Amino acid sequence: MTREQRSKDVEFLRNLKLTCMDLDEQWGQRSKTRGAETKAVSEAISVITADDSMDLLRQTAGFLQINSDLEEGAEAKLLRKRAVSSLRKAAQAPLFKTDDLLAAWQHRIGAAGGPSSQLSTLAVSVSLDSFKKLKEVMDKMVVDLKQEQADEVAFKSHCTKEFDVTEKDTFQKTDLKGDLEANIAKLAKLTESLAAEIATATGQIADTEVAIKKASQVREGENAEFQKTVADQRATQAILKKALGKLQEFYKKAFLIQKSKQEPPVKFNAYKKNGGASPVIGLIQQIIEDSQALEGEAVKGETEAQTGYETFVKDSNSLIGKLTEAISMKTEAKAGANMDSEQAKSDLESTEGELEALGQYEADLHRDCDFVLKNFNIRQKARLDEIEAIGQAKGILSGSA
């Protein structure tokens, strides 16, 4: 901001130098023209107010004097000359020759011209008009000048007040603009952060759902394997139990037969049972027990796997629920941040418009007020001197020494 302001100041200074150089040249030309004009007007006044010209004008231009049919006395002529001399002397005062002051004054008061022009015109009127009419004109001029004095005082007060108010409003709006810009940047950062968090949570939900699906597929495979294992073991147990029953039934009958028969006189050699029959039965029983143990372990493993799966699904669903709730809250917060950002941008645009309007108003104030504020004391004194000169001329016409 400082660099930007400095660039503007450098550009303003460059334009100011160009403008002032041009104004210096214009001032020289205007001063030269004004000097020639003043000289011409003075010469014209001298020609008109010469004694010979006055006598001729009284004879030929009756509208210049109310009582043209009456001849003035020597005392009245003397008073006129003294009043004219006083007004001409006042009109030549250096204070009234300031070109810029006269130009601004003419711009303010219109065709009447500046104080020098007014006093010169009044000098001509003193030379030609009646005393009564002159005094009325002088009184009116004094009233107008006093009113101009009062109006300019009020205008100066208005300018000072408006400059103060404008400066205060500009400071407040500039401060507000800075706050709004900082808030917009903060909201943009918050929106970006919330968007990233929402995307991360959405990704976690997707990953969790994929993990649940994979766990379900694994669980289905494990359950199918469990069902097959249990079915196989139970079928094996059934077969072995059936076989075991057959063996047990055979050996039981054989044992009973041997017990009930009498000893013959001559007998065969002793019939021996298969020496491996008892171990086979034991082995079958052991296999059945192992199968039952394997079935129990499969059931226990299935129960644990199912419990772990259910816990995993429950925890995963709970995590998904929390993430979904967080996404909902952050989405709402993001929408609120976007709304606040749009409102802040609207306020910033409005504030910038107000600052631009204040800048334009301040420029208008400078255009209207700078000359008055800079030359206020000079202008006030010039009017007082003009009023004093008119009062002296009026006093002379009234017979004052």
Protein backbone atom coordinates (compact mmCIF):
# COMPACT_ATOMS: atom_id res chain seq x y z
CA MET A 1 0.00 0.00 0.00
CA THR A 2 2.89 2.36 0.81
CA ARG A 3 4.57 1.64 -2.54
CA GLU A 4 1.28 2.21 -4.35
CA GLN A 5 0.70 5.50 -2.49
CA ARG A 6 4.29 6.59 -3.22
CA SER A 7 3.81 5.86 -6.94
CA LYS A 8 0.65 7.96 -6.91
CA ASP A 9 2.50 10.76 -5.09
CA VAL A 10 5.34 10.68 -7.64
CA GLU A 11 2.82 10.83 -10.49
CA PHE A 12 0.96 13.67 -8.74
CA LEU A 13 4.24 15.58 -8.26
CA ARG A 14 5.16 15.13 -11.93
CA ASN A 15 1.74 16.38 -13.05
CA LEU A 16 1.95 19.21 -10.53
CA LYS A 17 5.30 20.35 -11.93
CA LEU A 18 3.95 20.29 -15.48
CA THR A 19 0.79 22.11 -14.40
CA CYS A 20 2.69 24.72 -12.37
CA MET A 21 5.09 25.39 -15.23
CA ASP A 22 2.10 25.91 -17.49
CA LEU A 23 0.41 28.07 -14.86
CA ASP A 24 3.55 30.19 -14.48
CA GLU A 25 3.48 30.87 -18.20
CA GLN A 26 -0.25 31.57 -18.13
CA TRP A 27 0.22 33.80 -15.08
CA GLY A 28 2.82 35.85 -16.91
CA GLN A 29 0.57 36.27 -19.93
CA ARG A 30 -2.47 37.03 -17.78
CA SER A 31 -0.52 39.53 -15.67
CA LYS A 32 0.72 41.27 -18.80
CA THR A 33 -2.80 41.32 -20.25
CA ARG A 34 -4.28 42.46 -16.95
CA GLY A 35 -1.72 45.25 -16.67
CA ALA A 36 -2.54 46.48 -20.16
CA GLU A 37 -6.25 46.26 -19.39
CA THR A 38 -5.85 48.16 -16.14
CA LYS A 39 -3.85 50.84 -17.91
CA ALA A 40 -6.48 51.15 -20.64
CA VAL A 41 -9.31 51.37 -18.09
CA SER A 42 -7.42 54.01 -16.10
CA GLU A 43 -6.77 56.04 -19.24
CA ALA A 44 -10.43 55.75 -20.22
CA ILE A 45 -11.50 56.90 -16.75
CA SER A 46 -9.07 59.81 -16.96
CA VAL A 47 -10.48 60.82 -20.34
CA ILE A 48 -14.08 60.54 -19.14
CA THR A 49 -13.50 62.41 -15.88
CA ALA A 50 -11.43 65.25 -17.34
CA ASP A 51 -13.03 68.67 -16.80
CA ASP A 52 -13.57 69.35 -20.50
CA SER A 53 -15.01 65.87 -21.05
CA MET A 54 -17.25 66.21 -18.02
CA ASP A 55 -18.72 69.48 -19.31
CA LEU A 56 -19.32 67.94 -22.71
CA LEU A 57 -20.89 64.78 -21.24
CA ARG A 58 -23.21 66.84 -19.06
CA GLN A 59 -24.44 68.66 -22.15
CA THR A 60 -24.81 65.59 -24.44
CA ALA A 61 -25.50 62.59 -22.12
CA GLY A 62 -28.27 63.62 -19.77
CA PHE A 63 -28.75 60.04 -18.49
CA LEU A 64 -25.41 60.18 -16.72
CA GLN A 65 -26.62 62.68 -14.11
CA ILE A 66 -29.96 62.85 -12.44
CA ASN A 67 -30.01 66.64 -12.08
CA SER A 68 -28.34 67.46 -15.41
CA ASP A 69 -30.13 70.74 -15.64
CA LEU A 70 -28.47 71.98 -12.43
CA GLU A 71 -24.93 73.29 -12.39
CA GLU A 72 -22.68 71.96 -9.62
CA GLY A 73 -20.83 74.34 -7.42
CA ALA A 74 -17.10 74.42 -6.99
CA GLU A 75 -17.33 72.73 -3.62
CA ALA A 76 -19.28 69.80 -5.05
CA LYS A 77 -16.77 69.41 -7.87
CA LEU A 78 -13.96 69.42 -5.36
CA LEU A 79 -15.69 66.73 -3.32
CA ARG A 80 -16.12 64.63 -6.43
CA LYS A 81 -12.46 64.95 -7.34
CA ARG A 82 -11.37 64.06 -3.83
CA ALA A 83 -13.69 61.03 -3.72
CA VAL A 84 -12.56 59.90 -7.19
CA SER A 85 -8.92 60.29 -6.18
CA SER A 86 -9.49 58.30 -2.99
CA LEU A 87 -11.24 55.48 -4.86
CA ARG A 88 -8.58 55.37 -7.60
CA LYS A 89 -5.83 55.24 -5.03
CA ALA A 90 -7.58 52.42 -3.21
CA ALA A 91 -8.14 50.55 -6.51
CA GLN A 92 -4.38 50.63 -7.18
CA ALA A 93 -3.55 48.88 -3.86
CA PRO A 94 -1.17 45.89 -4.37
CA LEU A 95 -3.55 43.63 -2.47
CA PHE A 96 -6.18 44.05 -5.20
CA LYS A 97 -3.75 43.27 -8.00
CA THR A 98 -3.27 39.59 -7.10
CA ASP A 99 -4.31 37.89 -10.31
CA ASP A 100 -5.40 34.57 -8.82
CA LEU A 101 -7.39 36.35 -6.13
CA LEU A 102 -9.18 38.53 -8.68
CA ALA A 103 -9.87 35.57 -10.97
CA ALA A 104 -11.35 33.55 -8.12
CA TRP A 105 -13.28 36.55 -6.88
CA GLN A 106 -14.74 37.14 -10.33
CA HIS A 107 -15.67 33.49 -10.48
CA ARG A 108 -17.45 33.84 -7.14
CA ILE A 109 -19.28 37.10 -7.62
CA GLY A 110 -19.88 37.09 -11.35
CA ALA A 111 -19.68 40.05 -13.71
CA ALA A 112 -19.13 42.63 -10.99
CA GLY A 113 -15.40 41.90 -11.06
CA GLY A 114 -12.90 42.11 -8.24
CA PRO A 115 -12.45 44.91 -5.70
CA SER A 116 -10.14 46.89 -7.98
CA SER A 117 -12.70 46.77 -10.80
CA GLN A 118 -15.54 47.67 -8.46
CA LEU A 119 -13.67 50.63 -6.99
CA SER A 120 -12.71 51.85 -10.47
CA THR A 121 -16.32 51.62 -11.61
CA LEU A 122 -17.42 53.41 -8.48
CA ALA A 123 -14.86 56.14 -9.21
CA VAL A 124 -16.47 56.68 -12.61
CA SER A 125 -19.91 56.77 -10.99
CA VAL A 126 -18.67 59.37 -8.49
CA SER A 127 -17.54 61.48 -11.40
CA LEU A 128 -20.92 61.31 -13.12
CA ASP A 129 -23.80 60.47 -10.79
CA SER A 130 -25.58 62.47 -8.11
CA PHE A 131 -24.44 62.32 -4.50
CA LYS A 132 -27.70 60.80 -3.30
CA LYS A 133 -27.58 57.98 -5.84
CA LEU A 134 -23.90 57.41 -5.15
CA LYS A 135 -24.46 57.10 -1.42
CA GLU A 136 -27.23 54.54 -2.03
CA VAL A 137 -24.94 52.56 -4.32
CA MET A 138 -22.13 52.74 -1.76
CA ASP A 139 -24.43 51.59 1.04
CA LYS A 140 -25.60 48.68 -1.07
CA MET A 141 -22.01 47.75 -1.95
CA VAL A 142 -21.04 47.79 1.73
CA VAL A 143 -24.04 45.60 2.62
CA ASP A 144 -23.12 43.16 -0.17
CA LEU A 145 -19.49 43.07 0.90
CA LYS A 146 -20.42 42.40 4.52
CA GLN A 147 -22.75 39.64 3.37
CA GLU A 148 -19.92 38.17 1.31
CA GLN A 149 -17.72 38.33 4.39
CA ALA A 150 -20.30 36.45 6.45
CA ASP A 151 -20.97 33.94 3.67
CA GLU A 152 -17.27 33.24 3.28
CA VAL A 153 -16.84 32.73 7.04
CA ALA A 154 -19.74 30.26 6.98
CA PHE A 155 -18.27 28.60 3.87
CA LYS A 156 -14.86 28.28 5.55
CA SER A 157 -16.51 26.71 8.61
CA HIS A 158 -18.43 24.34 6.32
CA CYS A 159 -15.24 23.35 4.47
CA THR A 160 -13.31 22.74 7.69
CA LYS A 161 -16.12 20.64 9.12
CA GLU A 162 -16.57 18.64 5.94
CA PHE A 163 -12.82 17.97 5.67
CA ASP A 164 -12.78 16.70 9.26
CA VAL A 165 -15.86 14.50 8.76
CA THR A 166 -14.56 13.17 5.44
CA GLU A 167 -11.16 12.38 6.93
CA LYS A 168 -12.79 10.56 9.85
CA ASP A 169 -15.15 8.60 7.59
CA THR A 170 -12.28 7.72 5.23
CA PHE A 171 -10.20 6.45 8.15
CA GLN A 172 -13.08 4.33 9.46
CA LYS A 173 -13.92 2.93 6.02
CA THR A 174 -10.26 2.18 5.30
CA ASP A 175 -9.99 0.36 8.63
CA LEU A 176 -13.21 -1.52 7.86
CA LYS A 177 -11.89 -2.42 4.41
CA GLY A 178 -8.77 -3.92 5.99
CA ASP A 179 -10.86 -5.93 8.45
CA LEU A 180 -13.11 -7.21 5.66
CA GLU A 181 -10.15 -8.22 3.49
CA ALA A 182 -8.57 -10.05 6.45
CA ASN A 183 -11.90 -11.76 7.22
CA ILE A 184 -12.34 -12.83 3.58
CA ALA A 185 -8.83 -14.33 3.56
CA LYS A 186 -9.53 -16.09 6.87
CA LEU A 187 -12.85 -17.49 5.59
CA ALA A 188 -11.18 -18.66 2.36
CA LYS A 189 -8.53 -20.50 4.37
CA LEU A 190 -11.22 -22.01 6.62
CA THR A 191 -13.26 -23.13 3.60
CA GLU A 192 -10.19 -24.74 2.05
CA SER A 193 -9.36 -26.53 5.32
CA LEU A 194 -12.94 -27.78 5.74
CA ALA A 195 -13.01 -29.03 2.14
CA ALA A 196 -9.77 -30.97 2.73
CA GLU A 197 -11.12 -32.47 5.98
CA ILE A 198 -14.39 -33.44 4.28
CA ALA A 199 -12.45 -35.12 1.46
CA THR A 200 -10.28 -36.99 3.99
CA ALA A 201 -13.34 -38.16 5.98
CA THR A 202 -15.10 -39.24 2.77
CA GLY A 203 -12.02 -41.25 1.81
CA GLN A 204 -11.92 -42.90 5.25
CA ILE A 205 -15.59 -43.86 4.92
CA ALA A 206 -14.93 -45.39 1.51
CA ASP A 207 -11.89 -47.30 2.83
CA THR A 208 -13.86 -48.53 5.86
CA GLU A 209 -16.75 -49.73 3.68
CA VAL A 210 -14.26 -51.59 1.45
CA ALA A 211 -12.68 -53.16 4.56
CA ILE A 212 -16.12 -54.28 5.81
CA LYS A 213 -16.86 -55.81 2.44
CA LYS A 214 -13.55 -57.65 2.39
CA ALA A 215 -14.06 -58.82 5.98
CA SER A 216 -17.51 -60.10 5.04
CA GLN A 217 -16.07 -62.02 2.13
CA VAL A 218 -13.36 -63.53 4.35
CA ARG A 219 -15.97 -64.36 6.98
CA GLU A 220 -18.10 -66.12 4.42
CA GLY A 221 -15.11 -68.15 3.28
CA GLU A 222 -14.18 -69.04 6.87
CA ASN A 223 -17.75 -70.01 7.67
CA ALA A 224 -17.97 -72.19 4.58
CA GLU A 225 -14.71 -73.88 5.58
CA PHE A 226 -16.05 -74.33 9.11
CA GLN A 227 -19.26 -75.89 7.85
CA LYS A 228 -17.32 -78.27 5.64
CA THR A 229 -14.91 -79.17 8.45
CA VAL A 230 -17.72 -79.84 10.92
CA ALA A 231 -19.67 -81.83 8.37
CA ASP A 232 -16.60 -83.89 7.46
CA GLN A 233 -15.70 -84.54 11.09
CA ARG A 234 -19.23 -85.50 12.03
CA ALA A 235 -19.49 -87.82 9.01
CA THR A 236 -16.12 -89.33 9.94
CA GLN A 237 -17.30 -89.80 13.51
CA ALA A 238 -20.50 -91.48 12.37
CA ILE A 239 -18.61 -93.88 10.13
CA LEU A 240 -16.06 -94.70 12.78
CA LYS A 241 -18.71 -95.15 15.44
CA LYS A 242 -20.60 -97.51 13.17
CA ALA A 243 -17.43 -99.47 12.44
CA LEU A 244 -16.55 -99.47 16.11
CA GLY A 245 -19.97 -100.83 16.92
CA LYS A 246 -19.58 -103.67 14.48
CA LEU A 247 -16.22 -104.62 15.96
CA GLN A 248 -17.42 -104.36 19.49
CA GLU A 249 -20.51 -106.44 18.69
CA PHE A 250 -18.37 -109.19 17.05
CA TYR A 251 -15.85 -109.43 19.82
CA LYS A 252 -18.58 -109.37 22.43
CA LYS A 253 -20.39 -112.33 20.86
CA ALA A 254 -17.18 -114.26 20.39
CA PHE A 255 -16.35 -113.76 24.01
CA LEU A 256 -19.77 -115.05 25.13
CA ILE A 257 -19.55 -118.16 22.92
CA GLN A 258 -16.22 -119.11 24.36
CA LYS A 259 -17.57 -118.77 27.84
CA SER A 260 -20.65 -121.03 27.29
CA LYS A 261 -19.10 -124.06 25.44
CA GLN A 262 -18.05 -127.25 27.38
CA GLU A 263 -14.61 -128.66 27.06
CA PRO A 264 -14.59 -131.51 24.45
CA PRO A 265 -12.43 -134.58 25.05
CA VAL A 266 -10.37 -133.75 22.12
CA LYS A 267 -10.19 -130.11 21.14
CA PHE A 268 -8.59 -128.01 18.55
CA ASN A 269 -5.72 -125.89 19.32
CA ALA A 270 -6.72 -122.75 21.11
CA TYR A 271 -8.33 -120.15 18.72
CA LYS A 272 -6.69 -116.86 19.18
CA LYS A 273 -8.44 -113.57 18.37
CA ASN A 274 -6.66 -111.10 16.17
CA GLY A 275 -4.06 -109.65 18.35
CA GLY A 276 -4.67 -106.26 16.78
CA ALA A 277 -8.39 -106.14 17.45
CA SER A 278 -8.11 -104.34 20.76
CA PRO A 279 -5.60 -101.76 19.49
CA VAL A 280 -7.75 -101.14 16.42
CA ILE A 281 -10.76 -100.44 18.59
CA GLY A 282 -8.60 -98.14 20.67
CA LEU A 283 -7.28 -96.46 17.59
CA ILE A 284 -10.77 -95.93 16.21
CA GLN A 285 -11.87 -94.52 19.53
CA GLN A 286 -8.82 -92.26 19.53
CA ILE A 287 -9.62 -91.06 16.00
CA ILE A 288 -13.21 -90.40 17.04
CA GLU A 289 -12.00 -88.44 20.05
CA ASP A 290 -9.55 -86.48 17.86
CA SER A 291 -12.32 -85.76 15.38
CA GLN A 292 -14.57 -84.57 18.15
CA ALA A 293 -11.75 -82.40 19.50
CA LEU A 294 -11.13 -80.99 16.02
CA GLU A 295 -14.85 -80.29 15.68
CA GLY A 296 -14.82 -78.51 19.05
CA GLU A 297 -11.82 -76.43 18.04
CA ALA A 298 -13.52 -75.56 14.74
CA VAL A 299 -16.67 -74.51 16.59
CA LYS A 300 -14.63 -72.46 19.05
CA GLY A 301 -12.64 -70.86 16.20
CA GLU A 302 -15.85 -70.11 14.31
CA THR A 303 -17.36 -68.50 17.39
CA GLU A 304 -14.27 -66.36 17.97
CA ALA A 305 -14.02 -65.43 14.29
CA GLN A 306 -17.74 -64.49 14.19
CA THR A 307 -17.38 -62.46 17.36
CA GLY A 308 -14.32 -60.65 15.99
CA TYR A 309 -16.12 -60.02 12.70
CA GLU A 310 -19.18 -58.63 14.45
CA THR A 311 -16.97 -56.40 16.64
CA PHE A 312 -15.07 -55.16 13.58
CA VAL A 313 -18.31 -54.41 11.69
CA LYS A 314 -19.76 -52.67 14.74
CA ASP A 315 -16.65 -50.53 15.24
CA SER A 316 -16.43 -49.79 11.53
CA ASN A 317 -20.09 -48.74 11.36
CA SER A 318 -19.59 -46.58 14.44
CA LEU A 319 -16.57 -44.94 12.76
CA ILE A 320 -18.59 -44.42 9.57
CA GLY A 321 -21.38 -42.85 11.63
CA LYS A 322 -18.97 -40.46 13.36
CA LEU A 323 -17.29 -39.57 10.08
CA THR A 324 -20.67 -39.01 8.42
CA GLU A 325 -21.75 -36.75 11.27
CA ALA A 326 -18.45 -34.86 11.06
CA ILE A 327 -18.87 -34.47 7.29
CA SER A 328 -22.39 -33.12 7.82
CA MET A 329 -21.20 -30.62 10.42
CA LYS A 330 -18.20 -29.53 8.34
CA THR A 331 -20.34 -29.24 5.21
CA GLU A 332 -22.72 -26.99 7.12
CA ALA A 333 -19.78 -24.99 8.49
CA LYS A 334 -18.35 -24.70 4.98
CA ALA A 335 -21.68 -23.45 3.65
CA GLY A 336 -21.81 -20.91 6.49
CA ALA A 337 -18.24 -19.81 5.75
CA ASN A 338 -19.09 -19.41 2.06
CA MET A 339 -22.16 -17.36 2.96
CA ASP A 340 -20.13 -15.20 5.35
CA SER A 341 -17.46 -14.79 2.68
CA GLU A 342 -20.02 -13.66 0.10
CA GLN A 343 -21.48 -11.20 2.62
CA ALA A 344 -18.00 -9.91 3.45
CA LYS A 345 -17.22 -9.51 -0.27
CA SER A 346 -20.47 -7.59 -0.72
CA ASP A 347 -19.61 -5.39 2.27
CA LEU A 348 -16.09 -4.91 0.88
CA GLU A 349 -17.46 -3.86 -2.50
CA SER A 350 -19.84 -1.44 -0.79
CA THR A 351 -17.02 -0.08 1.40
CA GLU A 352 -14.76 0.40 -1.62
CA GLY A 353 -17.60 2.25 -3.33
CA GLU A 354 -18.03 4.46 -0.27
CA LEU A 355 -14.27 5.10 -0.17
CA GLU A 356 -14.32 6.03 -3.84
CA ALA A 357 -17.28 8.37 -3.21
CA LEU A 358 -15.45 9.88 -0.22
CA GLY A 359 -12.35 10.37 -2.35
CA GLN A 360 -14.39 12.09 -5.05
CA TYR A 361 -16.15 14.22 -2.45
CA GLU A 362 -12.80 15.18 -0.91
CA ALA A 363 -11.51 16.11 -4.37
CA ASP A 364 -14.60 18.27 -4.87
CA LEU A 365 -14.01 19.85 -1.47
CA HIS A 366 -10.42 20.65 -2.41
CA ARG A 367 -11.56 22.14 -5.70
CA ASP A 368 -14.17 24.33 -3.98
CA CYS A 369 -12.46 25.05 -0.67
CA ASP A 370 -8.69 25.09 -1.12
CA PHE A 371 -8.57 28.59 -2.58
CA VAL A 372 -10.84 30.02 0.11
CA LEU A 373 -9.00 28.29 2.96
CA LYS A 374 -5.60 29.33 1.62
CA ASN A 375 -6.54 32.94 0.91
CA PHE A 376 -9.21 33.43 3.57
CA ASN A 377 -7.34 36.09 5.55
CA ILE A 378 -6.24 37.92 2.38
CA ARG A 379 -9.80 37.96 1.01
CA GLN A 380 -11.28 39.08 4.29
CA LYS A 381 -8.76 41.91 4.57
CA ALA A 382 -9.32 42.87 0.93
CA ARG A 383 -13.05 43.27 1.53
CA LEU A 384 -12.44 45.24 4.73
CA ASP A 385 -10.09 47.53 2.81
CA GLU A 386 -12.70 47.87 0.08
CA ILE A 387 -15.38 48.68 2.64
CA GLU A 388 -13.03 51.20 4.25
CA ALA A 389 -12.27 52.81 0.85
CA ILE A 390 -15.98 53.07 0.06
CA GLY A 391 -16.61 54.52 3.52
CA GLN A 392 -13.87 57.12 3.01
CA ALA A 393 -15.28 58.11 -0.38
CA LYS A 394 -18.77 58.36 1.09
CA GLY A 395 -17.40 60.47 3.95
CA ILE A 396 -15.72 62.81 1.46
CA LEU A 397 -18.97 63.18 -0.48
CA SER A 398 -20.72 63.92 2.79
CA GLY A 399 -18.28 66.76 3.49
CA SER A 400 -15.87 65.01 5.80
CA ALA A 401 -12.33 66.24 5.89
